[in-house]
Amino acid sequence: MTTMIFYERAVALNRERHQKLKLQLKANHFSFASKTNSVLVAGSEFAEASRDYPIVFVGKEGGPFTLAALVGLGEKDNLMVDENGHWETNTYIPAFIRRYPFVLAGGEGAESLTVCVDEAYPGLNEEQGEALFNEDGTETEYLKKVIEFLVLFHSEMKRTAAFAEKMAELGLLTSKVVTIEREGSKQTLEGAWVIDEAKLNALDDKTMLELVRTGYLGWIYAHLMSLNNVTRLARRMDVRRLTSAAATSAVAADEGAGNAVVH
């Protein structure tokens, strides 16, 4: 999964070119993410993200693997973003989403990274919002906090990549297919990998202790518990489908939701 999927025109932030630039988030801000069914997540987010989304490993046989939160079950369908570009209230918003329209960019293995901004974002202007640079060209406190957040997220994603590599190294990952069954129809979502609990429980004590000390065991169980959210997404999908068709109420849609299983 590319880290630049939302960016139409990402350019390096420049204190001369962007000296007067300000950012004001639009009312439909999250529209940029409405056409994706998954977003990358860092291990440090698992505890919160696992309450709302299934967290799965994404990759191919032999790796490398990343971890993603499923925000939809259909192709190009984010069930967390409504027609007005609002993210579902009282649900966790992954850092991958929150960083937009900013991003750190750099080549594979690059020692330094560049702060970029998507100039196509309509909330960027020179009149209203949070200024990015002071009159003397120095970074505003707002931009400093943005950069701090980007650097932290980048660091956490590196830790998460090491976690995924360790899970693959231990042979704990198994390929799964998410199946959504409705009346007379079946929909599948492929490309997901999950940790095999039987293989996890078969690990020796030394390896298990290592997982505890690295904090990986907590991440593992957050991942496993999150898989129950597949059914919740299926129900949300049914509610949206029936609501848009004005066929029935959201309550009736929830009661008639199809079963979703990971097998």
C-alpha atoms as a PDB file:
ATOM      1  CA  MET A   1       0.000   0.000   0.000  1.00  0.00           C
ATOM      2  CA  THR A   2       1.519   3.325  -1.030  1.00  0.00           C
ATOM      3  CA  THR A   3       1.896   6.064   1.581  1.00  0.00           C
ATOM      4  CA  MET A   4       1.016   8.745  -1.001  1.00  0.00           C
ATOM      5  CA  ILE A   5      -2.412   7.527  -2.099  1.00  0.00           C
ATOM      6  CA  PHE A   6      -4.240  10.743  -1.142  1.00  0.00           C
ATOM      7  CA  TYR A   7      -1.799  13.277  -2.533  1.00  0.00           C
ATOM      8  CA  GLU A   8      -2.465  14.848  -5.927  1.00  0.00           C
ATOM      9  CA  ARG A   9       0.327  17.414  -5.958  1.00  0.00           C
ATOM     10  CA  ALA A  10       2.703  16.886  -3.028  1.00  0.00           C
ATOM     11  CA  VAL A  11       5.582  19.384  -3.092  1.00  0.00           C
ATOM     12  CA  ALA A  12       8.369  20.153  -0.656  1.00  0.00           C
ATOM     13  CA  LEU A  13       7.358  22.820   1.842  1.00  0.00           C
ATOM     14  CA  ASN A  14       9.439  25.890   1.056  1.00  0.00           C
ATOM     15  CA  ARG A  15       9.747  28.954   3.294  1.00  0.00           C
ATOM     16  CA  GLU A  16       9.914  31.238   0.250  1.00  0.00           C
ATOM     17  CA  ARG A  17       7.299  29.647  -1.992  1.00  0.00           C
ATOM     18  CA  HIS A  18       4.903  29.020   0.897  1.00  0.00           C
ATOM     19  CA  GLN A  19       5.794  31.949   3.152  1.00  0.00           C
ATOM     20  CA  LYS A  20       2.229  33.320   3.148  1.00  0.00           C
ATOM     21  CA  LEU A  21       0.481  29.959   3.065  1.00  0.00           C
ATOM     22  CA  LYS A  22      -2.222  29.159   5.599  1.00  0.00           C
ATOM     23  CA  LEU A  23      -4.280  26.036   6.243  1.00  0.00           C
ATOM     24  CA  GLN A  24      -7.978  26.023   7.002  1.00  0.00           C
ATOM     25  CA  LEU A  25      -9.569  22.584   7.127  1.00  0.00           C
ATOM     26  CA  LYS A  26     -12.656  22.426   4.915  1.00  0.00           C
ATOM     27  CA  ALA A  27     -16.048  21.256   6.188  1.00  0.00           C
ATOM     28  CA  ASN A  28     -15.740  18.209   3.915  1.00  0.00           C
ATOM     29  CA  HIS A  29     -12.101  17.669   4.867  1.00  0.00           C
ATOM     30  CA  PHE A  30     -12.170  13.854   4.915  1.00  0.00           C
ATOM     31  CA  SER A  31     -13.500  13.579   1.364  1.00  0.00           C
ATOM     32  CA  PHE A  32      -9.913  12.912   0.292  1.00  0.00           C
ATOM     33  CA  ALA A  33     -10.120   9.509   2.015  1.00  0.00           C
ATOM     34  CA  SER A  34     -13.589   8.460   0.815  1.00  0.00           C
ATOM     35  CA  LYS A  35     -12.312   6.102  -1.891  1.00  0.00           C
ATOM     36  CA  THR A  36     -10.046   3.836   0.147  1.00  0.00           C
ATOM     37  CA  ASN A  37     -11.016   0.728   2.105  1.00  0.00           C
ATOM     38  CA  SER A  38      -7.846   0.552   4.229  1.00  0.00           C
ATOM     39  CA  VAL A  39      -5.198   2.811   5.762  1.00  0.00           C
ATOM     40  CA  LEU A  40      -1.809   2.078   7.275  1.00  0.00           C
ATOM     41  CA  VAL A  41      -1.596   2.059  11.064  1.00  0.00           C
ATOM     42  CA  ALA A  42       1.306   2.094  13.490  1.00  0.00           C
ATOM     43  CA  GLY A  43       1.578  -0.371  16.362  1.00  0.00           C
ATOM     44  CA  SER A  44       1.248   2.440  18.884  1.00  0.00           C
ATOM     45  CA  GLU A  45      -2.262   3.040  17.505  1.00  0.00           C
ATOM     46  CA  PHE A  46      -3.463  -0.552  17.797  1.00  0.00           C
ATOM     47  CA  ALA A  47      -5.076  -0.190  21.231  1.00  0.00           C
ATOM     48  CA  GLU A  48      -7.359   2.631  20.052  1.00  0.00           C
ATOM     49  CA  ALA A  49      -7.812   1.563  16.430  1.00  0.00           C
ATOM     50  CA  SER A  50      -8.736  -2.005  17.418  1.00  0.00           C
ATOM     51  CA  ARG A  51     -11.959  -0.743  18.997  1.00  0.00           C
ATOM     52  CA  ASP A  52     -13.317   0.361  15.629  1.00  0.00           C
ATOM     53  CA  TYR A  53     -11.472  -1.420  12.815  1.00  0.00           C
ATOM     54  CA  PRO A  54     -10.119  -4.819  11.868  1.00  0.00           C
ATOM     55  CA  ILE A  55      -6.311  -4.540  11.809  1.00  0.00           C
ATOM     56  CA  VAL A  56      -4.656  -6.900   9.345  1.00  0.00           C
ATOM     57  CA  PHE A  57      -1.246  -7.558   7.848  1.00  0.00           C
ATOM     58  CA  VAL A  58      -0.983  -6.689   4.165  1.00  0.00           C
ATOM     59  CA  GLY A  59       1.589  -8.156   1.817  1.00  0.00           C
ATOM     60  CA  LYS A  60       2.533 -11.128  -0.307  1.00  0.00           C
ATOM     61  CA  GLU A  61       4.049 -14.491   0.469  1.00  0.00           C
ATOM     62  CA  GLY A  62       7.600 -13.887   1.657  1.00  0.00           C
ATOM     63  CA  GLY A  63       6.905 -10.261   2.660  1.00  0.00           C
ATOM     64  CA  PRO A  64       7.510  -7.505   3.351  1.00  0.00           C
ATOM     65  CA  PHE A  65       4.318  -6.843   5.302  1.00  0.00           C
ATOM     66  CA  THR A  66       2.636  -3.703   6.569  1.00  0.00           C
ATOM     67  CA  LEU A  67      -0.350  -3.323   8.860  1.00  0.00           C
ATOM     68  CA  ALA A  68      -3.578  -1.657   7.878  1.00  0.00           C
ATOM     69  CA  ALA A  69      -6.922  -0.815   9.418  1.00  0.00           C
ATOM     70  CA  LEU A  70      -9.874  -1.807   7.268  1.00  0.00           C
ATOM     71  CA  VAL A  71     -12.264   1.137   6.978  1.00  0.00           C
ATOM     72  CA  GLY A  72     -14.429  -0.506   4.327  1.00  0.00           C
ATOM     73  CA  LEU A  73     -15.174  -3.896   2.804  1.00  0.00           C
ATOM     74  CA  GLY A  74     -15.872  -2.883  -0.772  1.00  0.00           C
ATOM     75  CA  GLU A  75     -13.324  -1.655  -3.274  1.00  0.00           C
ATOM     76  CA  LYS A  76     -12.874   2.134  -3.075  1.00  0.00           C
ATOM     77  CA  ASP A  77     -15.427   2.418  -0.284  1.00  0.00           C
ATOM     78  CA  ASN A  78     -14.610   4.046   3.060  1.00  0.00           C
ATOM     79  CA  LEU A  79     -17.499   3.366   5.405  1.00  0.00           C
ATOM     80  CA  MET A  80     -16.179   5.941   7.902  1.00  0.00           C
ATOM     81  CA  VAL A  81     -16.596   8.938   5.581  1.00  0.00           C
ATOM     82  CA  ASP A  82     -20.120  10.114   4.767  1.00  0.00           C
ATOM     83  CA  GLU A  83     -21.393  11.977   1.707  1.00  0.00           C
ATOM     84  CA  ASN A  84     -20.530  15.297   3.368  1.00  0.00           C
ATOM     85  CA  GLY A  85     -16.884  14.384   3.883  1.00  0.00           C
ATOM     86  CA  HIS A  86     -17.264  13.895   7.635  1.00  0.00           C
ATOM     87  CA  TRP A  87     -15.505  11.091   9.512  1.00  0.00           C
ATOM     88  CA  GLU A  88     -17.776   8.926  11.650  1.00  0.00           C
ATOM     89  CA  THR A  89     -18.100  10.545  15.072  1.00  0.00           C
ATOM     90  CA  ASN A  90     -16.751   8.782  18.145  1.00  0.00           C
ATOM     91  CA  THR A  91     -14.413   6.579  16.111  1.00  0.00           C
ATOM     92  CA  TYR A  92     -10.636   6.655  16.044  1.00  0.00           C
ATOM     93  CA  ILE A  93      -9.044   8.545  13.148  1.00  0.00           C
ATOM     94  CA  PRO A  94      -5.719   6.909  12.182  1.00  0.00           C
ATOM     95  CA  ALA A  95      -2.605   9.086  12.106  1.00  0.00           C
ATOM     96  CA  PHE A  96      -2.190   8.175   8.433  1.00  0.00           C
ATOM     97  CA  ILE A  97      -5.385  10.175   7.830  1.00  0.00           C
ATOM     98  CA  ARG A  98      -4.743  12.941  10.370  1.00  0.00           C
ATOM     99  CA  ARG A  99      -1.423  13.974   8.832  1.00  0.00           C
ATOM    100  CA  TYR A 100      -3.035  15.061   5.524  1.00  0.00           C
ATOM    101  CA  PRO A 101      -2.343  17.402   3.695  1.00  0.00           C
ATOM    102  CA  PHE A 102       1.202  17.056   5.056  1.00  0.00           C
ATOM    103  CA  VAL A 103       3.564  14.128   4.611  1.00  0.00           C
ATOM    104  CA  LEU A 104       7.233  13.232   5.012  1.00  0.00           C
ATOM    105  CA  ALA A 105       8.806  12.115   1.763  1.00  0.00           C
ATOM    106  CA  GLY A 106      12.119  10.518   0.927  1.00  0.00           C
ATOM    107  CA  GLY A 107      13.644   7.668  -1.016  1.00  0.00           C
ATOM    108  CA  GLU A 108      14.086   4.155   0.324  1.00  0.00           C
ATOM    109  CA  GLY A 109      16.735   4.223   3.043  1.00  0.00           C
ATOM    110  CA  ALA A 110      17.086   8.004   2.861  1.00  0.00           C
ATOM    111  CA  GLU A 111      18.871   9.550   5.837  1.00  0.00           C
ATOM    112  CA  SER A 112      16.794  12.731   5.697  1.00  0.00           C
ATOM    113  CA  LEU A 113      13.144  13.289   4.883  1.00  0.00           C
ATOM    114  CA  THR A 114      11.388  16.292   3.406  1.00  0.00           C
ATOM    115  CA  VAL A 115       8.182  17.840   4.717  1.00  0.00           C
ATOM    116  CA  CYS A 116       5.727  18.054   1.845  1.00  0.00           C
ATOM    117  CA  VAL A 117       2.250  19.478   1.447  1.00  0.00           C
ATOM    118  CA  ASP A 118      -0.461  18.641  -1.067  1.00  0.00           C
ATOM    119  CA  GLU A 119      -0.943  21.904  -2.918  1.00  0.00           C
ATOM    120  CA  ALA A 120      -4.162  20.509  -4.407  1.00  0.00           C
ATOM    121  CA  TYR A 121      -5.908  20.623  -1.030  1.00  0.00           C
ATOM    122  CA  PRO A 122      -8.579  23.364  -1.254  1.00  0.00           C
ATOM    123  CA  GLY A 123      -8.059  24.443   2.352  1.00  0.00           C
ATOM    124  CA  LEU A 124      -4.665  25.958   1.530  1.00  0.00           C
ATOM    125  CA  ASN A 125      -4.842  29.722   0.996  1.00  0.00           C
ATOM    126  CA  GLU A 126      -3.203  33.003   1.988  1.00  0.00           C
ATOM    127  CA  GLU A 127      -6.112  34.610   3.844  1.00  0.00           C
ATOM    128  CA  GLN A 128      -7.576  32.322   6.524  1.00  0.00           C
ATOM    129  CA  GLY A 129      -6.451  29.540   8.809  1.00  0.00           C
ATOM    130  CA  GLU A 130      -3.229  28.480  10.523  1.00  0.00           C
ATOM    131  CA  ALA A 131      -0.123  30.207   9.156  1.00  0.00           C
ATOM    132  CA  LEU A 132       2.796  27.923   8.339  1.00  0.00           C
ATOM    133  CA  PHE A 133       5.573  30.517   8.458  1.00  0.00           C
ATOM    134  CA  ASN A 134       6.157  33.709  10.386  1.00  0.00           C
ATOM    135  CA  GLU A 135       6.939  36.954   8.608  1.00  0.00           C
ATOM    136  CA  ASP A 136      10.675  36.353   9.109  1.00  0.00           C
ATOM    137  CA  GLY A 137      10.398  32.951   7.392  1.00  0.00           C
ATOM    138  CA  THR A 138      10.680  30.860  10.554  1.00  0.00           C
ATOM    139  CA  GLU A 139       8.258  28.032  11.259  1.00  0.00           C
ATOM    140  CA  THR A 140       5.144  28.882  13.247  1.00  0.00           C
ATOM    141  CA  GLU A 141       4.332  26.917  16.390  1.00  0.00           C
ATOM    142  CA  TYR A 142       1.573  25.235  14.406  1.00  0.00           C
ATOM    143  CA  LEU A 143       3.982  23.991  11.731  1.00  0.00           C
ATOM    144  CA  LYS A 144       6.467  22.868  14.393  1.00  0.00           C
ATOM    145  CA  LYS A 145       3.768  20.674  15.936  1.00  0.00           C
ATOM    146  CA  VAL A 146       2.856  19.297  12.495  1.00  0.00           C
ATOM    147  CA  ILE A 147       6.489  18.361  11.830  1.00  0.00           C
ATOM    148  CA  GLU A 148       6.824  16.811  15.286  1.00  0.00           C
ATOM    149  CA  PHE A 149       3.750  14.699  14.582  1.00  0.00           C
ATOM    150  CA  LEU A 150       5.062  13.618  11.153  1.00  0.00           C
ATOM    151  CA  VAL A 151       8.448  12.622  12.557  1.00  0.00           C
ATOM    152  CA  LEU A 152       6.854  10.650  15.382  1.00  0.00           C
ATOM    153  CA  PHE A 153       4.513   8.839  13.008  1.00  0.00           C
ATOM    154  CA  HIS A 154       7.417   7.985  10.691  1.00  0.00           C
ATOM    155  CA  SER A 155       9.363   6.584  13.645  1.00  0.00           C
ATOM    156  CA  GLU A 156       6.376   4.530  14.815  1.00  0.00           C
ATOM    157  CA  MET A 157       5.870   3.121  11.327  1.00  0.00           C
ATOM    158  CA  LYS A 158       9.490   1.925  11.324  1.00  0.00           C
ATOM    159  CA  ARG A 159       8.840   0.115  14.621  1.00  0.00           C
ATOM    160  CA  THR A 160       5.699  -1.374  13.117  1.00  0.00           C
ATOM    161  CA  ALA A 161       7.617  -2.606  10.069  1.00  0.00           C
ATOM    162  CA  ALA A 162      10.068  -4.352  12.423  1.00  0.00           C
ATOM    163  CA  PHE A 163       7.100  -5.917  14.231  1.00  0.00           C
ATOM    164  CA  ALA A 164       5.619  -7.219  10.979  1.00  0.00           C
ATOM    165  CA  GLU A 165       9.013  -8.584   9.937  1.00  0.00           C
ATOM    166  CA  LYS A 166       9.326 -10.403  13.265  1.00  0.00           C
ATOM    167  CA  MET A 167       5.875 -11.964  12.936  1.00  0.00           C
ATOM    168  CA  ALA A 168       6.763 -13.226   9.459  1.00  0.00           C
ATOM    169  CA  GLU A 169      10.141 -14.480  10.684  1.00  0.00           C
ATOM    170  CA  LEU A 170       8.423 -16.493  13.418  1.00  0.00           C
ATOM    171  CA  GLY A 171       6.067 -18.005  10.844  1.00  0.00           C
ATOM    172  CA  LEU A 172       2.977 -16.686  12.613  1.00  0.00           C
ATOM    173  CA  LEU A 173       1.222 -15.122   9.625  1.00  0.00           C
ATOM    174  CA  THR A 174      -1.437 -16.905   7.646  1.00  0.00           C
ATOM    175  CA  SER A 175      -3.378 -15.666   4.626  1.00  0.00           C
ATOM    176  CA  LYS A 176      -7.089 -15.058   5.145  1.00  0.00           C
ATOM    177  CA  VAL A 177     -10.064 -14.097   3.040  1.00  0.00           C
ATOM    178  CA  VAL A 178     -12.788 -11.848   4.449  1.00  0.00           C
ATOM    179  CA  THR A 179     -16.175 -13.070   3.247  1.00  0.00           C
ATOM    180  CA  ILE A 180     -19.347 -11.006   3.513  1.00  0.00           C
ATOM    181  CA  GLU A 181     -22.485 -13.049   2.979  1.00  0.00           C
ATOM    182  CA  ARG A 182     -25.879 -11.545   2.298  1.00  0.00           C
ATOM    183  CA  GLU A 183     -29.165 -12.843   1.013  1.00  0.00           C
ATOM    184  CA  GLY A 184     -28.223 -14.688  -2.141  1.00  0.00           C
ATOM    185  CA  SER A 185     -24.845 -12.982  -2.590  1.00  0.00           C
ATOM    186  CA  LYS A 186     -21.282 -13.235  -1.351  1.00  0.00           C
ATOM    187  CA  GLN A 187     -18.473 -10.680  -1.402  1.00  0.00           C
ATOM    188  CA  THR A 188     -14.819 -11.406  -0.643  1.00  0.00           C
ATOM    189  CA  LEU A 189     -11.868  -9.240   0.336  1.00  0.00           C
ATOM    190  CA  GLU A 190      -8.495 -10.838  -0.304  1.00  0.00           C
ATOM    191  CA  GLY A 191      -4.893  -9.944   0.502  1.00  0.00           C
ATOM    192  CA  ALA A 192      -5.199  -9.936   4.289  1.00  0.00           C
ATOM    193  CA  TRP A 193      -2.937 -11.867   6.652  1.00  0.00           C
ATOM    194  CA  VAL A 194      -3.516 -12.539  10.333  1.00  0.00           C
ATOM    195  CA  ILE A 195      -1.601 -14.106  13.186  1.00  0.00           C
ATOM    196  CA  ASP A 196      -2.312 -17.793  13.720  1.00  0.00           C
ATOM    197  CA  GLU A 197      -3.187 -18.196  17.416  1.00  0.00           C
ATOM    198  CA  ALA A 198      -2.242 -21.877  17.478  1.00  0.00           C
ATOM    199  CA  LYS A 199       1.244 -21.066  16.198  1.00  0.00           C
ATOM    200  CA  LEU A 200       1.517 -18.189  18.637  1.00  0.00           C
ATOM    201  CA  ASN A 201       0.644 -20.435  21.580  1.00  0.00           C
ATOM    202  CA  ALA A 202       3.191 -22.997  20.411  1.00  0.00           C
ATOM    203  CA  LEU A 203       6.126 -20.578  20.736  1.00  0.00           C
ATOM    204  CA  ASP A 204       8.766 -21.410  23.338  1.00  0.00           C
ATOM    205  CA  ASP A 205       9.017 -19.448  26.584  1.00  0.00           C
ATOM    206  CA  LYS A 206      12.127 -17.533  25.516  1.00  0.00           C
ATOM    207  CA  THR A 207      10.420 -16.214  22.383  1.00  0.00           C
ATOM    208  CA  MET A 208       7.248 -15.336  24.266  1.00  0.00           C
ATOM    209  CA  LEU A 209       9.285 -13.398  26.842  1.00  0.00           C
ATOM    210  CA  GLU A 210      10.949 -11.483  24.022  1.00  0.00           C
ATOM    211  CA  LEU A 211       7.524 -10.577  22.611  1.00  0.00           C
ATOM    212  CA  VAL A 212       6.447  -9.333  26.024  1.00  0.00           C
ATOM    213  CA  ARG A 213       9.545  -7.207  26.582  1.00  0.00           C
ATOM    214  CA  THR A 214       9.374  -5.605  23.130  1.00  0.00           C
ATOM    215  CA  GLY A 215       5.699  -4.784  23.612  1.00  0.00           C
ATOM    216  CA  TYR A 216       4.822  -6.944  20.625  1.00  0.00           C
ATOM    217  CA  LEU A 217       2.550  -9.274  22.566  1.00  0.00           C
ATOM    218  CA  GLY A 218       0.166  -6.428  23.369  1.00  0.00           C
ATOM    219  CA  TRP A 219       0.110  -5.465  19.702  1.00  0.00           C
ATOM    220  CA  ILE A 220      -0.593  -9.077  18.757  1.00  0.00           C
ATOM    221  CA  TYR A 221      -3.621  -9.353  21.008  1.00  0.00           C
ATOM    222  CA  ALA A 222      -4.962  -5.962  19.908  1.00  0.00           C
ATOM    223  CA  HIS A 223      -4.718  -7.241  16.311  1.00  0.00           C
ATOM    224  CA  LEU A 224      -6.505 -10.490  17.146  1.00  0.00           C
ATOM    225  CA  MET A 225      -9.282  -8.769  19.079  1.00  0.00           C
ATOM    226  CA  SER A 226      -9.778  -6.251  16.278  1.00  0.00           C
ATOM    227  CA  LEU A 227     -10.809  -8.954  13.824  1.00  0.00           C
ATOM    228  CA  ASN A 228     -14.252  -9.021  15.461  1.00  0.00           C
ATOM    229  CA  ASN A 229     -14.861  -5.626  13.859  1.00  0.00           C
ATOM    230  CA  VAL A 230     -15.312  -7.228  10.429  1.00  0.00           C
ATOM    231  CA  THR A 231     -18.923  -7.967  11.346  1.00  0.00           C
ATOM    232  CA  ARG A 232     -19.417  -4.383  12.525  1.00  0.00           C
ATOM    233  CA  LEU A 233     -18.165  -3.102   9.167  1.00  0.00           C
ATOM    234  CA  ALA A 234     -20.529  -5.464   7.359  1.00  0.00           C
ATOM    235  CA  ARG A 235     -23.444  -4.076   9.355  1.00  0.00           C
ATOM    236  CA  ARG A 236     -22.342  -0.527   8.638  1.00  0.00           C
ATOM    237  CA  MET A 237     -22.160  -1.362   4.930  1.00  0.00           C
ATOM    238  CA  ASP A 238     -25.692  -2.745   4.960  1.00  0.00           C
ATOM    239  CA  VAL A 239     -27.012   0.308   6.784  1.00  0.00           C
ATOM    240  CA  ARG A 240     -25.407   2.631   4.246  1.00  0.00           C
ATOM    241  CA  ARG A 241     -26.708   0.595   1.314  1.00  0.00           C
ATOM    242  CA  LEU A 242     -30.268   0.490   2.602  1.00  0.00           C
ATOM    243  CA  THR A 243     -30.273   4.111   3.734  1.00  0.00           C
ATOM    244  CA  SER A 244     -29.067   5.361   0.367  1.00  0.00           C
ATOM    245  CA  ALA A 245     -31.826   3.357  -1.298  1.00  0.00           C
ATOM    246  CA  ALA A 246     -34.366   4.753   1.199  1.00  0.00           C
ATOM    247  CA  ALA A 247     -35.614   1.186   1.589  1.00  0.00           C
ATOM    248  CA  THR A 248     -35.802   1.009   5.366  1.00  0.00           C
ATOM    249  CA  SER A 249     -34.595   2.573   8.575  1.00  0.00           C
ATOM    250  CA  ALA A 250     -31.087   2.218  10.003  1.00  0.00           C
ATOM    251  CA  VAL A 251     -32.498   0.102  12.839  1.00  0.00           C
ATOM    252  CA  ALA A 252     -34.069  -2.398  10.458  1.00  0.00           C
ATOM    253  CA  ALA A 253     -30.867  -2.451   8.402  1.00  0.00           C
ATOM    254  CA  ASP A 254     -28.827  -3.301  11.483  1.00  0.00           C
ATOM    255  CA  GLU A 255     -31.153  -6.165  12.405  1.00  0.00           C
ATOM    256  CA  GLY A 256     -30.993  -7.587   8.901  1.00  0.00           C
ATOM    257  CA  ALA A 257     -27.246  -7.246   8.403  1.00  0.00           C
ATOM    258  CA  GLY A 258     -25.431 -10.112   6.780  1.00  0.00           C
ATOM    259  CA  ASN A 259     -22.864 -12.311   8.482  1.00  0.00           C
ATOM    260  CA  ALA A 260     -19.171 -11.648   7.952  1.00  0.00           C
ATOM    261  CA  VAL A 261     -16.506 -14.226   8.648  1.00  0.00           C
ATOM    262  CA  VAL A 262     -12.741 -14.468   8.394  1.00  0.00           C
ATOM    263  CA  HIS A 263     -11.667 -17.941   7.349  1.00  0.00           C
END
